[in-house]
Amino acid sequence: MAIAQRGQQKQIRELLRMLHDWKNSDFVRLPAALRGEIELARAQEAGDRTVSRRAQRGPENRCIADYVCTLTDEQCAHLYQLLSGAASPSLARAFAG
């Protein structure tokens, strides 16, 4: 069990790093749900009063962590494989978040 947990910790840590890098290099192609949360966090940070009534999103990195927390174990593993290049995307299983 400990071996599996260590592997999952590494995978999640790397997935967070890869999503952070993706955000910085190709923001417009992030999964829509993550991109929307980051845009909302940016608007709140900028003091946009039209979004101030919604729940505070916090820093952009928190949005990434929250997004990963919404994924199932299988989705995390699949997204990690796609971003790391360990798997090729297929139309049938393409990640559409």
Protein backbone atom coordinates (compact mmCIF):
# COMPACT_ATOMS: atom_id res chain seq x y z
CA MET A 1 0.00 0.00 0.00
CA ALA A 2 2.82 2.39 0.87
CA ILE A 3 4.44 1.84 -2.52
CA ALA A 4 1.22 2.72 -4.32
CA GLN A 5 0.75 5.82 -2.18
CA ARG A 6 4.28 7.04 -2.91
CA GLY A 7 3.68 6.58 -6.62
CA GLN A 8 0.41 8.50 -6.44
CA GLN A 9 2.07 11.32 -4.47
CA LYS A 10 4.73 11.67 -7.13
CA GLN A 11 2.16 11.57 -9.91
CA ILE A 12 0.01 14.28 -8.30
CA ARG A 13 3.04 16.46 -7.54
CA GLU A 14 4.18 16.17 -11.17
CA LEU A 15 0.65 16.73 -12.48
CA LEU A 16 0.40 19.97 -10.49
CA ARG A 17 3.76 21.12 -11.88
CA MET A 18 2.78 20.22 -15.45
CA LEU A 19 -0.56 22.07 -15.18
CA HIS A 20 1.26 25.10 -13.76
CA ASP A 21 3.71 25.05 -16.67
CA TRP A 22 0.82 24.61 -19.12
CA LYS A 23 -0.96 27.61 -17.58
CA ASN A 24 2.12 29.75 -18.13
CA SER A 25 2.91 28.55 -21.66
CA ASP A 26 -0.46 27.91 -23.35
CA PHE A 27 -3.26 29.28 -21.18
CA VAL A 28 -5.97 29.28 -23.85
CA ARG A 29 -5.72 25.51 -24.34
CA LEU A 30 -6.09 24.55 -20.67
CA PRO A 31 -9.15 22.45 -19.84
CA ALA A 32 -12.13 24.82 -19.87
CA ALA A 33 -13.06 24.24 -16.22
CA LEU A 34 -9.55 25.07 -15.01
CA ARG A 35 -9.19 28.05 -17.32
CA GLY A 36 -12.52 29.45 -16.10
CA GLU A 37 -11.51 29.17 -12.45
CA ILE A 38 -8.17 30.88 -13.10
CA GLU A 39 -9.87 33.68 -15.05
CA LEU A 40 -12.27 34.18 -12.16
CA ALA A 41 -9.39 34.23 -9.66
CA ARG A 42 -7.58 36.80 -11.79
CA ALA A 43 -10.69 38.98 -11.98
CA GLN A 44 -11.14 38.79 -8.21
CA GLU A 45 -7.48 39.63 -7.68
CA ALA A 46 -7.87 42.65 -9.96
CA GLY A 47 -10.83 43.83 -7.88
CA ASP A 48 -13.52 43.24 -10.51
CA ARG A 49 -16.71 44.06 -8.59
CA THR A 50 -18.89 41.93 -10.90
CA VAL A 51 -17.31 38.75 -9.50
CA SER A 52 -16.75 39.83 -5.90
CA ARG A 53 -19.99 38.22 -4.70
CA ARG A 54 -18.85 34.76 -5.75
CA ALA A 55 -16.66 32.60 -3.54
CA GLN A 56 -13.07 33.75 -3.42
CA ARG A 57 -10.85 31.55 -5.58
CA GLY A 58 -7.52 32.52 -4.06
CA PRO A 59 -4.25 32.37 -5.94
CA GLU A 60 -4.02 30.74 -9.37
CA ASN A 61 -2.01 27.83 -7.96
CA ARG A 62 -4.88 27.08 -5.60
CA CYS A 63 -7.20 26.87 -8.63
CA ILE A 64 -4.90 24.24 -10.11
CA ALA A 65 -4.88 22.23 -6.88
CA ASP A 66 -8.66 22.49 -6.56
CA TYR A 67 -9.07 21.36 -10.17
CA VAL A 68 -6.92 18.27 -9.61
CA CYS A 69 -8.96 17.50 -6.49
CA THR A 70 -12.12 17.33 -8.62
CA LEU A 71 -10.65 14.58 -10.81
CA THR A 72 -11.04 10.89 -10.14
CA ASP A 73 -7.95 8.73 -9.67
CA GLU A 74 -8.38 7.45 -13.22
CA GLN A 75 -8.72 10.95 -14.67
CA CYS A 76 -5.60 12.10 -12.81
CA ALA A 77 -3.62 9.13 -14.08
CA HIS A 78 -4.86 9.64 -17.64
CA LEU A 79 -4.15 13.38 -17.65
CA TYR A 80 -0.69 12.73 -16.19
CA GLN A 81 0.05 10.19 -18.93
CA LEU A 82 -1.10 12.59 -21.63
CA LEU A 83 0.88 15.56 -20.31
CA SER A 84 4.02 13.52 -19.64
CA GLY A 85 3.93 11.97 -23.10
CA ALA A 86 3.58 8.45 -21.71
CA ALA A 87 0.31 7.99 -23.61
CA SER A 88 -1.02 9.30 -26.88
CA PRO A 89 -4.43 10.93 -26.85
CA SER A 90 -7.18 9.15 -28.71
CA LEU A 91 -10.45 10.64 -29.81
CA ALA A 92 -12.32 8.11 -27.71
CA ARG A 93 -10.50 8.93 -24.46
CA ALA A 94 -9.37 12.49 -25.05
CA PHE A 95 -9.44 14.50 -21.85
CA ALA A 96 -12.09 17.18 -22.13
CA GLY A 97 -12.29 19.03 -18.83
